[in-house]
Amino acid sequence: MVPASAPLFDLARHVDPARRRLFLVAAWSGALGLLLTFVLFQPVCEEYESTVFSFLGILFAMLTLMFMSLAGFKSR
């Protein structure tokens, strides 16, 4: 998810300026959200590591897609 969020920063200039803020929130939520998840939960989660990372990965992927759709970004 972190490498997939990197192109979103480049694509932000193609979004309308009025909705660009929501698109950048989508990019930051994907990049920083999962990066902080690994940094914060790696030392704490030992037994349920895969469960916690899967849940938070799905959560941040949904948040990223939600903010992208609110920004009006559509594929052609």
C-alpha atoms as a PDB file:
ATOM      1  CA  MET A   1       0.000   0.000   0.000  1.00  0.00           C
ATOM      2  CA  VAL A   2       2.846   2.394   0.728  1.00  0.00           C
ATOM      3  CA  PRO A   3       4.433   2.043  -2.746  1.00  0.00           C
ATOM      4  CA  ALA A   4       0.964   2.190  -4.311  1.00  0.00           C
ATOM      5  CA  SER A   5       0.305   5.540  -2.593  1.00  0.00           C
ATOM      6  CA  ALA A   6       3.391   7.153  -4.111  1.00  0.00           C
ATOM      7  CA  PRO A   7       1.863   7.657  -7.600  1.00  0.00           C
ATOM      8  CA  LEU A   8      -1.136   9.342  -6.000  1.00  0.00           C
ATOM      9  CA  PHE A   9       1.035  12.320  -5.104  1.00  0.00           C
ATOM     10  CA  ASP A  10       1.992  12.658  -8.766  1.00  0.00           C
ATOM     11  CA  LEU A  11      -1.619  12.270  -9.929  1.00  0.00           C
ATOM     12  CA  ALA A  12      -2.832  14.975  -7.535  1.00  0.00           C
ATOM     13  CA  ARG A  13      -1.975  17.715 -10.004  1.00  0.00           C
ATOM     14  CA  HIS A  14      -4.533  16.262 -12.458  1.00  0.00           C
ATOM     15  CA  VAL A  15      -7.405  16.624  -9.984  1.00  0.00           C
ATOM     16  CA  ASP A  16      -9.454  19.820  -9.777  1.00  0.00           C
ATOM     17  CA  PRO A  17      -7.911  22.314  -7.348  1.00  0.00           C
ATOM     18  CA  ALA A  18     -11.132  22.425  -5.318  1.00  0.00           C
ATOM     19  CA  ARG A  19     -10.989  18.663  -4.690  1.00  0.00           C
ATOM     20  CA  ARG A  20      -7.227  18.215  -4.616  1.00  0.00           C
ATOM     21  CA  ARG A  21      -7.158  18.386  -0.820  1.00  0.00           C
ATOM     22  CA  LEU A  22      -9.286  15.232  -0.486  1.00  0.00           C
ATOM     23  CA  PHE A  23      -7.094  13.455  -3.013  1.00  0.00           C
ATOM     24  CA  LEU A  24      -3.957  14.352  -1.056  1.00  0.00           C
ATOM     25  CA  VAL A  25      -5.626  13.116   2.140  1.00  0.00           C
ATOM     26  CA  ALA A  26      -6.158   9.807   0.321  1.00  0.00           C
ATOM     27  CA  ALA A  27      -2.486   9.644  -0.616  1.00  0.00           C
ATOM     28  CA  TRP A  28      -1.289  10.519   2.876  1.00  0.00           C
ATOM     29  CA  SER A  29      -3.705   8.118   4.588  1.00  0.00           C
ATOM     30  CA  GLY A  30      -2.400   5.248   2.503  1.00  0.00           C
ATOM     31  CA  ALA A  31       1.266   6.103   2.864  1.00  0.00           C
ATOM     32  CA  LEU A  32       1.522   7.296   6.445  1.00  0.00           C
ATOM     33  CA  GLY A  33      -1.257   5.128   7.808  1.00  0.00           C
ATOM     34  CA  LEU A  34       0.367   1.845   6.973  1.00  0.00           C
ATOM     35  CA  LEU A  35       3.865   3.079   7.640  1.00  0.00           C
ATOM     36  CA  LEU A  36       2.846   4.117  11.159  1.00  0.00           C
ATOM     37  CA  THR A  37       0.998   0.825  11.575  1.00  0.00           C
ATOM     38  CA  PHE A  38       4.180  -1.138  11.009  1.00  0.00           C
ATOM     39  CA  VAL A  39       6.259   1.191  13.168  1.00  0.00           C
ATOM     40  CA  LEU A  40       3.831   1.298  16.102  1.00  0.00           C
ATOM     41  CA  PHE A  41       2.394  -2.220  16.131  1.00  0.00           C
ATOM     42  CA  GLN A  42       5.436  -4.272  15.141  1.00  0.00           C
ATOM     43  CA  PRO A  43       6.975  -4.269  18.660  1.00  0.00           C
ATOM     44  CA  VAL A  44       3.603  -4.828  20.359  1.00  0.00           C
ATOM     45  CA  CYS A  45       1.964  -7.526  18.240  1.00  0.00           C
ATOM     46  CA  GLU A  46       3.655 -10.856  18.324  1.00  0.00           C
ATOM     47  CA  GLU A  47       0.926 -13.453  18.514  1.00  0.00           C
ATOM     48  CA  TYR A  48      -1.715 -11.640  16.427  1.00  0.00           C
ATOM     49  CA  GLU A  49       0.654  -9.813  14.085  1.00  0.00           C
ATOM     50  CA  SER A  50      -0.826 -11.050  10.806  1.00  0.00           C
ATOM     51  CA  THR A  51      -4.397 -10.444  11.974  1.00  0.00           C
ATOM     52  CA  VAL A  52      -3.711  -6.883  13.110  1.00  0.00           C
ATOM     53  CA  PHE A  53      -1.736  -5.987   9.979  1.00  0.00           C
ATOM     54  CA  SER A  54      -4.386  -7.486   7.691  1.00  0.00           C
ATOM     55  CA  PHE A  55      -7.188  -5.623   9.444  1.00  0.00           C
ATOM     56  CA  LEU A  56      -5.365  -2.282   9.428  1.00  0.00           C
ATOM     57  CA  GLY A  57      -4.230  -2.779   5.834  1.00  0.00           C
ATOM     58  CA  ILE A  58      -7.811  -3.308   4.713  1.00  0.00           C
ATOM     59  CA  LEU A  59      -8.948  -0.341   6.814  1.00  0.00           C
ATOM     60  CA  PHE A  60      -6.407   2.053   5.308  1.00  0.00           C
ATOM     61  CA  ALA A  61      -7.060   0.744   1.786  1.00  0.00           C
ATOM     62  CA  MET A  62     -10.768   1.477   2.244  1.00  0.00           C
ATOM     63  CA  LEU A  63     -10.011   4.934   3.630  1.00  0.00           C
ATOM     64  CA  THR A  64      -7.781   5.678   0.657  1.00  0.00           C
ATOM     65  CA  LEU A  65     -10.436   4.568  -1.816  1.00  0.00           C
ATOM     66  CA  MET A  66     -13.119   6.514   0.059  1.00  0.00           C
ATOM     67  CA  PHE A  67     -11.167   9.769  -0.075  1.00  0.00           C
ATOM     68  CA  MET A  68     -10.293   9.186  -3.728  1.00  0.00           C
ATOM     69  CA  SER A  69     -13.953   8.758  -4.625  1.00  0.00           C
ATOM     70  CA  LEU A  70     -14.925  11.821  -2.585  1.00  0.00           C
ATOM     71  CA  ALA A  71     -12.330  13.790  -4.532  1.00  0.00           C
ATOM     72  CA  GLY A  72     -14.059  12.768  -7.749  1.00  0.00           C
ATOM     73  CA  PHE A  73     -11.143  10.797  -9.166  1.00  0.00           C
ATOM     74  CA  LYS A  74     -12.425   8.366 -11.796  1.00  0.00           C
ATOM     75  CA  SER A  75     -10.559   5.989 -14.031  1.00  0.00           C
ATOM     76  CA  ARG A  76     -11.060   6.327 -17.764  1.00  0.00           C
END
